[in-house]
PDB file of N, CA and C in Angstrom:
ATOM      1  N   MET A   1       0.849  -1.176   0.000  1.00  0.00           N
ATOM      2  CA  MET A   1       0.000   0.000   0.000  1.00  0.00           C
ATOM      3  C   MET A   1       0.897   1.242   0.000  1.00  0.00           C
ATOM      4  N   SER A   2       0.594   2.142  -0.890  1.00  0.00           N
ATOM      5  CA  SER A   2       1.387   3.362  -1.019  1.00  0.00           C
ATOM      6  C   SER A   2       0.950   4.408   0.005  1.00  0.00           C
ATOM      7  N   SER A   3       1.918   5.114   0.551  1.00  0.00           N
ATOM      8  CA  SER A   3       1.591   6.195   1.485  1.00  0.00           C
ATOM      9  C   SER A   3       1.411   7.516   0.746  1.00  0.00           C
ATOM     10  N   TYR A   4       1.550   7.487  -0.584  1.00  0.00           N
ATOM     11  CA  TYR A   4       1.451   8.714  -1.372  1.00  0.00           C
ATOM     12  C   TYR A   4       0.120   9.427  -1.155  1.00  0.00           C
ATOM     13  N   GLY A   5      -0.986   8.695  -1.195  1.00  0.00           N
ATOM     14  CA  GLY A   5      -2.311   9.302  -1.082  1.00  0.00           C
ATOM     15  C   GLY A   5      -2.618   9.822   0.306  1.00  0.00           C
ATOM     16  N   SER A   6      -1.928   9.337   1.312  1.00  0.00           N
ATOM     17  CA  SER A   6      -2.242   9.750   2.679  1.00  0.00           C
ATOM     18  C   SER A   6      -1.389  10.930   3.155  1.00  0.00           C
ATOM     19  N   LYS A   7      -0.499  11.405   2.306  1.00  0.00           N
ATOM     20  CA  LYS A   7       0.336  12.548   2.689  1.00  0.00           C
ATOM     21  C   LYS A   7      -0.507  13.796   2.869  1.00  0.00           C
ATOM     22  N   LYS A   8      -0.152  14.588   3.866  1.00  0.00           N
ATOM     23  CA  LYS A   8      -0.834  15.861   4.111  1.00  0.00           C
ATOM     24  C   LYS A   8      -0.109  16.943   3.325  1.00  0.00           C
ATOM     25  N   THR A   9      -0.406  17.018   2.033  1.00  0.00           N
ATOM     26  CA  THR A   9       0.283  17.993   1.197  1.00  0.00           C
ATOM     27  C   THR A   9      -0.506  19.294   1.135  1.00  0.00           C
ATOM     28  N   LEU A  10       0.225  20.387   1.111  1.00  0.00           N
ATOM     29  CA  LEU A  10      -0.375  21.709   1.011  1.00  0.00           C
ATOM     30  C   LEU A  10      -0.233  22.212  -0.418  1.00  0.00           C
ATOM     31  N   ARG A  11      -1.211  22.988  -0.841  1.00  0.00           N
ATOM     32  CA  ARG A  11      -1.153  23.590  -2.164  1.00  0.00           C
ATOM     33  C   ARG A  11      -1.392  25.086  -2.017  1.00  0.00           C
ATOM     34  N   ALA A  12      -0.562  25.891  -2.667  1.00  0.00           N
ATOM     35  CA  ALA A  12      -0.739  27.345  -2.637  1.00  0.00           C
ATOM     36  C   ALA A  12      -1.923  27.729  -3.512  1.00  0.00           C
ATOM     37  N   VAL A  13      -2.843  28.481  -2.930  1.00  0.00           N
ATOM     38  CA  VAL A  13      -4.035  28.935  -3.650  1.00  0.00           C
ATOM     39  C   VAL A  13      -4.084  30.458  -3.577  1.00  0.00           C
ATOM     40  N   ASN A  14      -4.241  31.108  -4.727  1.00  0.00           N
ATOM     41  CA  ASN A  14      -4.352  32.567  -4.777  1.00  0.00           C
ATOM     42  C   ASN A  14      -5.818  32.971  -4.744  1.00  0.00           C
ATOM     43  N   PHE A  15      -6.156  33.873  -3.842  1.00  0.00           N
ATOM     44  CA  PHE A  15      -7.508  34.409  -3.743  1.00  0.00           C
ATOM     45  C   PHE A  15      -7.475  35.870  -4.171  1.00  0.00           C
ATOM     46  N   ILE A  16      -8.406  36.260  -5.046  1.00  0.00           N
ATOM     47  CA  ILE A  16      -8.490  37.633  -5.521  1.00  0.00           C
ATOM     48  C   ILE A  16      -9.926  38.113  -5.363  1.00  0.00           C
ATOM     49  N   CYS A  17     -10.093  39.260  -4.728  1.00  0.00           N
ATOM     50  CA  CYS A  17     -11.403  39.868  -4.523  1.00  0.00           C
ATOM     51  C   CYS A  17     -11.395  41.250  -5.164  1.00  0.00           C
ATOM     52  N   HIS A  18     -12.297  41.468  -6.122  1.00  0.00           N
ATOM     53  CA  HIS A  18     -12.353  42.777  -6.777  1.00  0.00           C
ATOM     54  C   HIS A  18     -13.310  43.669  -5.982  1.00  0.00           C
ATOM     55  N   ALA A  19     -12.738  44.553  -5.175  1.00  0.00           N
ATOM     56  CA  ALA A  19     -13.510  45.474  -4.335  1.00  0.00           C
ATOM     57  C   ALA A  19     -12.732  46.772  -4.178  1.00  0.00           C
ATOM     58  N   PRO A  20     -12.613  47.552  -5.280  1.00  0.00           N
ATOM     59  CA  PRO A  20     -11.751  48.738  -5.247  1.00  0.00           C
ATOM     60  C   PRO A  20     -12.167  49.803  -4.229  1.00  0.00           C
ATOM     61  N   GLN A  21     -13.440  49.859  -3.865  1.00  0.00           N
ATOM     62  CA  GLN A  21     -13.906  50.873  -2.916  1.00  0.00           C
ATOM     63  C   GLN A  21     -13.770  50.435  -1.455  1.00  0.00           C
ATOM     64  N   ALA A  22     -13.429  49.171  -1.225  1.00  0.00           N
ATOM     65  CA  ALA A  22     -13.383  48.634   0.142  1.00  0.00           C
ATOM     66  C   ALA A  22     -12.253  49.253   0.958  1.00  0.00           C
ATOM     67  N   ARG A  23     -12.500  49.371   2.256  1.00  0.00           N
ATOM     68  CA  ARG A  23     -11.472  49.850   3.177  1.00  0.00           C
ATOM     69  C   ARG A  23     -10.651  48.683   3.716  1.00  0.00           C
ATOM     70  N   GLU A  24     -11.313  47.516   3.902  1.00  0.00           N
ATOM     71  CA  GLU A  24     -10.581  46.323   4.334  1.00  0.00           C
ATOM     72  C   GLU A  24     -11.303  45.077   3.847  1.00  0.00           C
ATOM     73  N   VAL A  25     -10.505  44.064   3.508  1.00  0.00           N
ATOM     74  CA  VAL A  25     -11.031  42.782   3.043  1.00  0.00           C
ATOM     75  C   VAL A  25     -10.241  41.688   3.738  1.00  0.00           C
ATOM     76  N   SER A  26     -10.966  40.691   4.245  1.00  0.00           N
ATOM     77  CA  SER A  26     -10.335  39.523   4.875  1.00  0.00           C
ATOM     78  C   SER A  26     -10.841  38.255   4.206  1.00  0.00           C
ATOM     79  N   LEU A  27     -10.011  37.229   4.240  1.00  0.00           N
ATOM     80  CA  LEU A  27     -10.393  35.915   3.757  1.00  0.00           C
ATOM     81  C   LEU A  27     -10.815  35.093   4.970  1.00  0.00           C
ATOM     82  N   VAL A  28     -12.048  34.621   4.974  1.00  0.00           N
ATOM     83  CA  VAL A  28     -12.559  33.814   6.079  1.00  0.00           C
ATOM     84  C   VAL A  28     -13.024  32.472   5.525  1.00  0.00           C
ATOM     85  N   GLY A  29     -12.949  31.438   6.361  1.00  0.00           N
ATOM     86  CA  GLY A  29     -13.393  30.129   5.898  1.00  0.00           C
ATOM     87  C   GLY A  29     -13.225  29.068   6.968  1.00  0.00           C
ATOM     88  N   ASP A  30     -13.535  27.835   6.578  1.00  0.00           N
ATOM     89  CA  ASP A  30     -13.411  26.737   7.532  1.00  0.00           C
ATOM     90  C   ASP A  30     -11.962  26.505   7.942  1.00  0.00           C
ATOM     91  N   PHE A  31     -10.999  26.992   7.140  1.00  0.00           N
ATOM     92  CA  PHE A  31      -9.578  26.835   7.447  1.00  0.00           C
ATOM     93  C   PHE A  31      -9.099  27.783   8.540  1.00  0.00           C
ATOM     94  N   ASN A  32      -9.897  28.814   8.894  1.00  0.00           N
ATOM     95  CA  ASN A  32      -9.507  29.723   9.978  1.00  0.00           C
ATOM     96  C   ASN A  32     -10.671  30.003  10.940  1.00  0.00           C
ATOM     97  N   LYS A  33     -11.628  29.066  10.985  1.00  0.00           N
ATOM     98  CA  LYS A  33     -12.797  29.181  11.882  1.00  0.00           C
ATOM     99  C   LYS A  33     -13.568  30.478  11.645  1.00  0.00           C
ATOM    100  N   TRP A  34     -13.562  30.970  10.377  1.00  0.00           N
ATOM    101  CA  TRP A  34     -14.313  32.157   9.960  1.00  0.00           C
ATOM    102  C   TRP A  34     -13.873  33.415  10.713  1.00  0.00           C
ATOM    103  N   SER A  35     -12.590  33.462  11.083  1.00  0.00           N
ATOM    104  CA  SER A  35     -12.055  34.596  11.841  1.00  0.00           C
ATOM    105  C   SER A  35     -11.568  35.702  10.902  1.00  0.00           C
ATOM    106  N   PRO A  36     -12.188  36.895  10.951  1.00  0.00           N
ATOM    107  CA  PRO A  36     -11.760  37.986  10.070  1.00  0.00           C
ATOM    108  C   PRO A  36     -10.355  38.500  10.368  1.00  0.00           C
ATOM    109  N   ALA A  37      -9.855  38.296  11.569  1.00  0.00           N
ATOM    110  CA  ALA A  37      -8.536  38.822  11.935  1.00  0.00           C
ATOM    111  C   ALA A  37      -7.388  37.945  11.430  1.00  0.00           C
ATOM    112  N   ASP A  38      -7.655  36.685  11.111  1.00  0.00           N
ATOM    113  CA  ASP A  38      -6.569  35.749  10.800  1.00  0.00           C
ATOM    114  C   ASP A  38      -5.914  35.954   9.431  1.00  0.00           C
ATOM    115  N   HIS A  39      -6.676  36.326   8.416  1.00  0.00           N
ATOM    116  CA  HIS A  39      -6.121  36.410   7.065  1.00  0.00           C
ATOM    117  C   HIS A  39      -6.585  37.674   6.326  1.00  0.00           C
ATOM    118  N   PRO A  40      -6.074  38.850   6.751  1.00  0.00           N
ATOM    119  CA  PRO A  40      -6.395  40.069   6.005  1.00  0.00           C
ATOM    120  C   PRO A  40      -5.790  39.990   4.603  1.00  0.00           C
ATOM    121  N   MET A  41      -6.451  40.616   3.645  1.00  0.00           N
ATOM    122  CA  MET A  41      -5.962  40.613   2.274  1.00  0.00           C
ATOM    123  C   MET A  41      -5.247  41.933   1.986  1.00  0.00           C
ATOM    124  N   SER A  42      -4.344  41.914   1.011  1.00  0.00           N
ATOM    125  CA  SER A  42      -3.575  43.100   0.626  1.00  0.00           C
ATOM    126  C   SER A  42      -4.185  43.741  -0.610  1.00  0.00           C
ATOM    127  N   LYS A  43      -4.293  45.072  -0.585  1.00  0.00           N
ATOM    128  CA  LYS A  43      -4.848  45.793  -1.731  1.00  0.00           C
ATOM    129  C   LYS A  43      -3.774  45.995  -2.780  1.00  0.00           C
ATOM    130  N   LEU A  44      -4.110  45.653  -4.024  1.00  0.00           N
ATOM    131  CA  LEU A  44      -3.201  45.822  -5.152  1.00  0.00           C
ATOM    132  C   LEU A  44      -3.465  47.180  -5.818  1.00  0.00           C
ATOM    133  N   PRO A  45      -2.526  47.666  -6.637  1.00  0.00           N
ATOM    134  CA  PRO A  45      -2.697  48.974  -7.284  1.00  0.00           C
ATOM    135  C   PRO A  45      -3.972  49.083  -8.131  1.00  0.00           C
ATOM    136  N   ASP A  46      -4.455  47.975  -8.706  1.00  0.00           N
ATOM    137  CA  ASP A  46      -5.654  48.029  -9.550  1.00  0.00           C
ATOM    138  C   ASP A  46      -6.956  47.991  -8.741  1.00  0.00           C
ATOM    139  N   GLY A  47      -6.860  47.953  -7.403  1.00  0.00           N
ATOM    140  CA  GLY A  47      -8.049  47.951  -6.561  1.00  0.00           C
ATOM    141  C   GLY A  47      -8.512  46.577  -6.131  1.00  0.00           C
ATOM    142  N   ALA A  48      -7.911  45.537  -6.685  1.00  0.00           N
ATOM    143  CA  ALA A  48      -8.245  44.180  -6.260  1.00  0.00           C
ATOM    144  C   ALA A  48      -7.504  43.865  -4.958  1.00  0.00           C
ATOM    145  N   TRP A  49      -8.027  42.897  -4.219  1.00  0.00           N
ATOM    146  CA  TRP A  49      -7.410  42.461  -2.970  1.00  0.00           C
ATOM    147  C   TRP A  49      -6.883  41.047  -3.176  1.00  0.00           C
ATOM    148  N   PHE A  50      -5.727  40.735  -2.567  1.00  0.00           N
ATOM    149  CA  PHE A  50      -5.009  39.489  -2.866  1.00  0.00           C
ATOM    150  C   PHE A  50      -4.533  38.801  -1.589  1.00  0.00           C
ATOM    151  N   ARG A  51      -4.585  37.473  -1.612  1.00  0.00           N
ATOM    152  CA  ARG A  51      -4.029  36.678  -0.505  1.00  0.00           C
ATOM    153  C   ARG A  51      -3.698  35.293  -1.036  1.00  0.00           C
ATOM    154  N   THR A  52      -2.516  34.779  -0.704  1.00  0.00           N
ATOM    155  CA  THR A  52      -2.148  33.402  -1.011  1.00  0.00           C
ATOM    156  C   THR A  52      -2.269  32.583   0.262  1.00  0.00           C
ATOM    157  N   MET A  53      -2.893  31.417   0.149  1.00  0.00           N
ATOM    158  CA  MET A  53      -3.065  30.512   1.292  1.00  0.00           C
ATOM    159  C   MET A  53      -2.523  29.140   0.930  1.00  0.00           C
ATOM    160  N   GLU A  54      -1.938  28.470   1.906  1.00  0.00           N
ATOM    161  CA  GLU A  54      -1.525  27.082   1.750  1.00  0.00           C
ATOM    162  C   GLU A  54      -2.650  26.222   2.334  1.00  0.00           C
ATOM    163  N   LEU A  55      -3.334  25.470   1.479  1.00  0.00           N
ATOM    164  CA  LEU A  55      -4.480  24.679   1.918  1.00  0.00           C
ATOM    165  C   LEU A  55      -4.256  23.195   1.680  1.00  0.00           C
ATOM    166  N   LEU A  56      -4.793  22.386   2.575  1.00  0.00           N
ATOM    167  CA  LEU A  56      -4.735  20.937   2.441  1.00  0.00           C
ATOM    168  C   LEU A  56      -5.692  20.454   1.358  1.00  0.00           C
ATOM    169  N   HIS A  57      -5.433  19.274   0.829  1.00  0.00           N
ATOM    170  CA  HIS A  57      -6.315  18.612  -0.125  1.00  0.00           C
ATOM    171  C   HIS A  57      -7.712  18.479   0.482  1.00  0.00           C
ATOM    172  N   GLY A  58      -8.729  18.716  -0.301  1.00  0.00           N
ATOM    173  CA  GLY A  58     -10.106  18.580   0.154  1.00  0.00           C
ATOM    174  C   GLY A  58     -10.948  19.760  -0.301  1.00  0.00           C
ATOM    175  N   HIS A  59     -12.182  19.816   0.192  1.00  0.00           N
ATOM    176  CA  HIS A  59     -13.083  20.918  -0.142  1.00  0.00           C
ATOM    177  C   HIS A  59     -13.076  21.943   0.984  1.00  0.00           C
ATOM    178  N   HIS A  60     -12.963  23.197   0.620  1.00  0.00           N
ATOM    179  CA  HIS A  60     -12.914  24.282   1.606  1.00  0.00           C
ATOM    180  C   HIS A  60     -14.052  25.262   1.350  1.00  0.00           C
ATOM    181  N   ARG A  61     -14.725  25.648   2.427  1.00  0.00           N
ATOM    182  CA  ARG A  61     -15.761  26.676   2.357  1.00  0.00           C
ATOM    183  C   ARG A  61     -15.115  27.993   2.772  1.00  0.00           C
ATOM    184  N   TYR A  62     -15.424  29.070   2.034  1.00  0.00           N
ATOM    185  CA  TYR A  62     -14.795  30.353   2.332  1.00  0.00           C
ATOM    186  C   TYR A  62     -15.647  31.499   1.795  1.00  0.00           C
ATOM    187  N   ALA A  63     -15.277  32.709   2.163  1.00  0.00           N
ATOM    188  CA  ALA A  63     -15.897  33.930   1.644  1.00  0.00           C
ATOM    189  C   ALA A  63     -14.932  35.079   1.865  1.00  0.00           C
ATOM    190  N   PHE A  64     -15.216  36.171   1.215  1.00  0.00           N
ATOM    191  CA  PHE A  64     -14.488  37.413   1.470  1.00  0.00           C
ATOM    192  C   PHE A  64     -15.339  38.243   2.423  1.00  0.00           C
ATOM    193  N   LEU A  65     -14.701  38.837   3.409  1.00  0.00           N
ATOM    194  CA  LEU A  65     -15.379  39.753   4.310  1.00  0.00           C
ATOM    195  C   LEU A  65     -14.976  41.160   3.871  1.00  0.00           C
ATOM    196  N   VAL A  66     -15.869  41.818   3.132  1.00  0.00           N
ATOM    197  CA  VAL A  66     -15.584  43.136   2.539  1.00  0.00           C
ATOM    198  C   VAL A  66     -16.236  44.205   3.412  1.00  0.00           C
ATOM    199  N   ASP A  67     -15.420  44.966   4.114  1.00  0.00           N
ATOM    200  CA  ASP A  67     -15.911  45.976   5.056  1.00  0.00           C
ATOM    201  C   ASP A  67     -17.008  45.404   5.961  1.00  0.00           C
ATOM    202  N   GLY A  68     -16.777  44.178   6.423  1.00  0.00           N
ATOM    203  CA  GLY A  68     -17.696  43.533   7.358  1.00  0.00           C
ATOM    204  C   GLY A  68     -18.830  42.751   6.725  1.00  0.00           C
ATOM    205  N   ALA A  69     -18.986  42.812   5.405  1.00  0.00           N
ATOM    206  CA  ALA A  69     -20.077  42.100   4.720  1.00  0.00           C
ATOM    207  C   ALA A  69     -19.559  40.826   4.059  1.00  0.00           C
ATOM    208  N   MET A  70     -20.190  39.688   4.383  1.00  0.00           N
ATOM    209  CA  MET A  70     -19.830  38.409   3.773  1.00  0.00           C
ATOM    210  C   MET A  70     -20.138  38.475   2.281  1.00  0.00           C
ATOM    211  N   THR A  71     -19.130  38.172   1.457  1.00  0.00           N
ATOM    212  CA  THR A  71     -19.241  38.305   0.007  1.00  0.00           C
ATOM    213  C   THR A  71     -18.773  37.018  -0.663  1.00  0.00           C
ATOM    214  N   LEU A  72     -19.580  36.494  -1.585  1.00  0.00           N
ATOM    215  CA  LEU A  72     -19.203  35.293  -2.333  1.00  0.00           C
ATOM    216  C   LEU A  72     -18.117  35.623  -3.353  1.00  0.00           C
ATOM    217  N   ASP A  73     -17.329  34.623  -3.693  1.00  0.00           N
ATOM    218  CA  ASP A  73     -16.299  34.754  -4.721  1.00  0.00           C
ATOM    219  C   ASP A  73     -16.932  34.371  -6.059  1.00  0.00           C
ATOM    220  N   PRO A  74     -17.061  35.314  -7.002  1.00  0.00           N
ATOM    221  CA  PRO A  74     -17.671  34.973  -8.290  1.00  0.00           C
ATOM    222  C   PRO A  74     -16.854  33.967  -9.091  1.00  0.00           C
ATOM    223  N   ARG A  75     -15.586  33.786  -8.732  1.00  0.00           N
ATOM    224  CA  ARG A  75     -14.723  32.823  -9.432  1.00  0.00           C
ATOM    225  C   ARG A  75     -14.685  31.460  -8.742  1.00  0.00           C
ATOM    226  N   ALA A  76     -15.487  31.262  -7.713  1.00  0.00           N
ATOM    227  CA  ALA A  76     -15.477  30.004  -6.950  1.00  0.00           C
ATOM    228  C   ALA A  76     -15.989  28.840  -7.806  1.00  0.00           C
ATOM    229  N   GLN A  77     -15.627  27.645  -7.400  1.00  0.00           N
ATOM    230  CA  GLN A  77     -16.058  26.441  -8.101  1.00  0.00           C
ATOM    231  C   GLN A  77     -17.506  26.086  -7.788  1.00  0.00           C
ATOM    232  N   GLY A  78     -18.039  26.642  -6.695  1.00  0.00           N
ATOM    233  CA  GLY A  78     -19.414  26.344  -6.323  1.00  0.00           C
ATOM    234  C   GLY A  78     -19.839  27.186  -5.138  1.00  0.00           C
ATOM    235  N   VAL A  79     -21.096  26.999  -4.731  1.00  0.00           N
ATOM    236  CA  VAL A  79     -21.657  27.702  -3.578  1.00  0.00           C
ATOM    237  C   VAL A  79     -22.282  26.661  -2.656  1.00  0.00           C
ATOM    238  N   THR A  80     -22.070  26.837  -1.364  1.00  0.00           N
ATOM    239  CA  THR A  80     -22.631  25.937  -0.363  1.00  0.00           C
ATOM    240  C   THR A  80     -23.038  26.789   0.835  1.00  0.00           C
ATOM    241  N   ARG A  81     -23.279  26.162   1.964  1.00  0.00           N
ATOM    242  CA  ARG A  81     -23.632  26.909   3.185  1.00  0.00           C
ATOM    243  C   ARG A  81     -22.686  26.528   4.308  1.00  0.00           C
ATOM    244  N   ASN A  82     -22.426  27.496   5.196  1.00  0.00           N
ATOM    245  CA  ASN A  82     -21.596  27.210   6.368  1.00  0.00           C
ATOM    246  C   ASN A  82     -22.491  26.753   7.521  1.00  0.00           C
ATOM    247  N   GLU A  83     -21.906  26.607   8.706  1.00  0.00           N
ATOM    248  CA  GLU A  83     -22.641  26.110   9.872  1.00  0.00           C
ATOM    249  C   GLU A  83     -23.796  27.028  10.269  1.00  0.00           C
ATOM    250  N   ARG A  84     -23.696  28.310   9.927  1.00  0.00           N
ATOM    251  CA  ARG A  84     -24.753  29.278  10.261  1.00  0.00           C
ATOM    252  C   ARG A  84     -25.836  29.360   9.189  1.00  0.00           C
ATOM    253  N   GLY A  85     -25.679  28.580   8.124  1.00  0.00           N
ATOM    254  CA  GLY A  85     -26.646  28.619   7.040  1.00  0.00           C
ATOM    255  C   GLY A  85     -26.409  29.723   6.030  1.00  0.00           C
ATOM    256  N   GLU A  86     -25.274  30.429   6.159  1.00  0.00           N
ATOM    257  CA  GLU A  86     -24.935  31.509   5.223  1.00  0.00           C
ATOM    258  C   GLU A  86     -24.389  30.919   3.930  1.00  0.00           C
ATOM    259  N   ARG A  87     -24.745  31.541   2.809  1.00  0.00           N
ATOM    260  CA  ARG A  87     -24.193  31.105   1.519  1.00  0.00           C
ATOM    261  C   ARG A  87     -22.723  31.502   1.462  1.00  0.00           C
ATOM    262  N   VAL A  88     -21.880  30.526   1.117  1.00  0.00           N
ATOM    263  CA  VAL A  88     -20.438  30.752   1.045  1.00  0.00           C
ATOM    264  C   VAL A  88     -19.897  30.061  -0.203  1.00  0.00           C
ATOM    265  N   SER A  89     -18.696  30.417  -0.582  1.00  0.00           N
ATOM    266  CA  SER A  89     -18.041  29.846  -1.749  1.00  0.00           C
ATOM    267  C   SER A  89     -17.400  28.505  -1.417  1.00  0.00           C
ATOM    268  N   LEU A  90     -17.249  27.673  -2.438  1.00  0.00           N
ATOM    269  CA  LEU A  90     -16.673  26.341  -2.272  1.00  0.00           C
ATOM    270  C   LEU A  90     -15.463  26.195  -3.191  1.00  0.00           C
ATOM    271  N   LEU A  91     -14.378  25.663  -2.634  1.00  0.00           N
ATOM    272  CA  LEU A  91     -13.144  25.480  -3.387  1.00  0.00           C
ATOM    273  C   LEU A  91     -12.600  24.067  -3.192  1.00  0.00           C
ATOM    274  N   PRO A  92     -12.538  23.260  -4.263  1.00  0.00           N
ATOM    275  CA  PRO A  92     -11.863  21.966  -4.144  1.00  0.00           C
ATOM    276  C   PRO A  92     -10.363  22.151  -4.363  1.00  0.00           C
ATOM    277  N   VAL A  93      -9.564  21.543  -3.485  1.00  0.00           N
ATOM    278  CA  VAL A  93      -8.106  21.594  -3.613  1.00  0.00           C
ATOM    279  C   VAL A  93      -7.608  20.170  -3.788  1.00  0.00           C
ATOM    280  N   SER A  94      -6.853  19.947  -4.870  1.00  0.00           N
ATOM    281  CA  SER A  94      -6.317  18.593  -5.103  1.00  0.00           C
ATOM    282  C   SER A  94      -4.831  18.654  -5.394  1.00  0.00           C
TER     283      SER A  94
END
Protein backbone atom coordinates (compact mmCIF):
# COMPACT_ATOMS: atom_id res chain seq x y z
CA MET A 1 0.00 0.00 0.00
CA SER A 2 1.39 3.36 -1.02
CA SER A 3 1.59 6.19 1.49
CA TYR A 4 1.45 8.71 -1.37
CA GLY A 5 -2.31 9.30 -1.08
CA SER A 6 -2.24 9.75 2.68
CA LYS A 7 0.34 12.55 2.69
CA LYS A 8 -0.83 15.86 4.11
CA THR A 9 0.28 17.99 1.20
CA LEU A 10 -0.37 21.71 1.01
CA ARG A 11 -1.15 23.59 -2.16
CA ALA A 12 -0.74 27.34 -2.64
CA VAL A 13 -4.03 28.93 -3.65
CA ASN A 14 -4.35 32.57 -4.78
CA PHE A 15 -7.51 34.41 -3.74
CA ILE A 16 -8.49 37.63 -5.52
CA CYS A 17 -11.40 39.87 -4.52
CA HIS A 18 -12.35 42.78 -6.78
CA ALA A 19 -13.51 45.47 -4.33
CA PRO A 20 -11.75 48.74 -5.25
CA GLN A 21 -13.91 50.87 -2.92
CA ALA A 22 -13.38 48.63 0.14
CA ARG A 23 -11.47 49.85 3.18
CA GLU A 24 -10.58 46.32 4.33
CA VAL A 25 -11.03 42.78 3.04
CA SER A 26 -10.34 39.52 4.88
CA LEU A 27 -10.39 35.92 3.76
CA VAL A 28 -12.56 33.81 6.08
CA GLY A 29 -13.39 30.13 5.90
CA ASP A 30 -13.41 26.74 7.53
CA PHE A 31 -9.58 26.84 7.45
CA ASN A 32 -9.51 29.72 9.98
CA LYS A 33 -12.80 29.18 11.88
CA TRP A 34 -14.31 32.16 9.96
CA SER A 35 -12.06 34.60 11.84
CA PRO A 36 -11.76 37.99 10.07
CA ALA A 37 -8.54 38.82 11.93
CA ASP A 38 -6.57 35.75 10.80
CA HIS A 39 -6.12 36.41 7.07
CA PRO A 40 -6.40 40.07 6.01
CA MET A 41 -5.96 40.61 2.27
CA SER A 42 -3.57 43.10 0.63
CA LYS A 43 -4.85 45.79 -1.73
CA LEU A 44 -3.20 45.82 -5.15
CA PRO A 45 -2.70 48.97 -7.28
CA ASP A 46 -5.65 48.03 -9.55
CA GLY A 47 -8.05 47.95 -6.56
CA ALA A 48 -8.25 44.18 -6.26
CA TRP A 49 -7.41 42.46 -2.97
CA PHE A 50 -5.01 39.49 -2.87
CA ARG A 51 -4.03 36.68 -0.51
CA THR A 52 -2.15 33.40 -1.01
CA MET A 53 -3.07 30.51 1.29
CA GLU A 54 -1.53 27.08 1.75
CA LEU A 55 -4.48 24.68 1.92
CA LEU A 56 -4.74 20.94 2.44
CA HIS A 57 -6.31 18.61 -0.13
CA GLY A 58 -10.11 18.58 0.15
CA HIS A 59 -13.08 20.92 -0.14
CA HIS A 60 -12.91 24.28 1.61
CA ARG A 61 -15.76 26.68 2.36
CA TYR A 62 -14.79 30.35 2.33
CA ALA A 63 -15.90 33.93 1.64
CA PHE A 64 -14.49 37.41 1.47
CA LEU A 65 -15.38 39.75 4.31
CA VAL A 66 -15.58 43.14 2.54
CA ASP A 67 -15.91 45.98 5.06
CA GLY A 68 -17.70 43.53 7.36
CA ALA A 69 -20.08 42.10 4.72
CA MET A 70 -19.83 38.41 3.77
CA THR A 71 -19.24 38.31 0.01
CA LEU A 72 -19.20 35.29 -2.33
CA ASP A 73 -16.30 34.75 -4.72
CA PRO A 74 -17.67 34.97 -8.29
CA ARG A 75 -14.72 32.82 -9.43
CA ALA A 76 -15.48 30.00 -6.95
CA GLN A 77 -16.06 26.44 -8.10
CA GLY A 78 -19.41 26.34 -6.32
CA VAL A 79 -21.66 27.70 -3.58
CA THR A 80 -22.63 25.94 -0.36
CA ARG A 81 -23.63 26.91 3.18
CA ASN A 82 -21.60 27.21 6.37
CA GLU A 83 -22.64 26.11 9.87
CA ARG A 84 -24.75 29.28 10.26
CA GLY A 85 -26.65 28.62 7.04
CA GLU A 86 -24.94 31.51 5.22
CA ARG A 87 -24.19 31.11 1.52
CA VAL A 88 -20.44 30.75 1.04
CA SER A 89 -18.04 29.85 -1.75
CA LEU A 90 -16.67 26.34 -2.27
CA LEU A 91 -13.14 25.48 -3.39
CA PRO A 92 -11.86 21.97 -4.14
CA VAL A 93 -8.11 21.59 -3.61
CA SER A 94 -6.32 18.59 -5.10
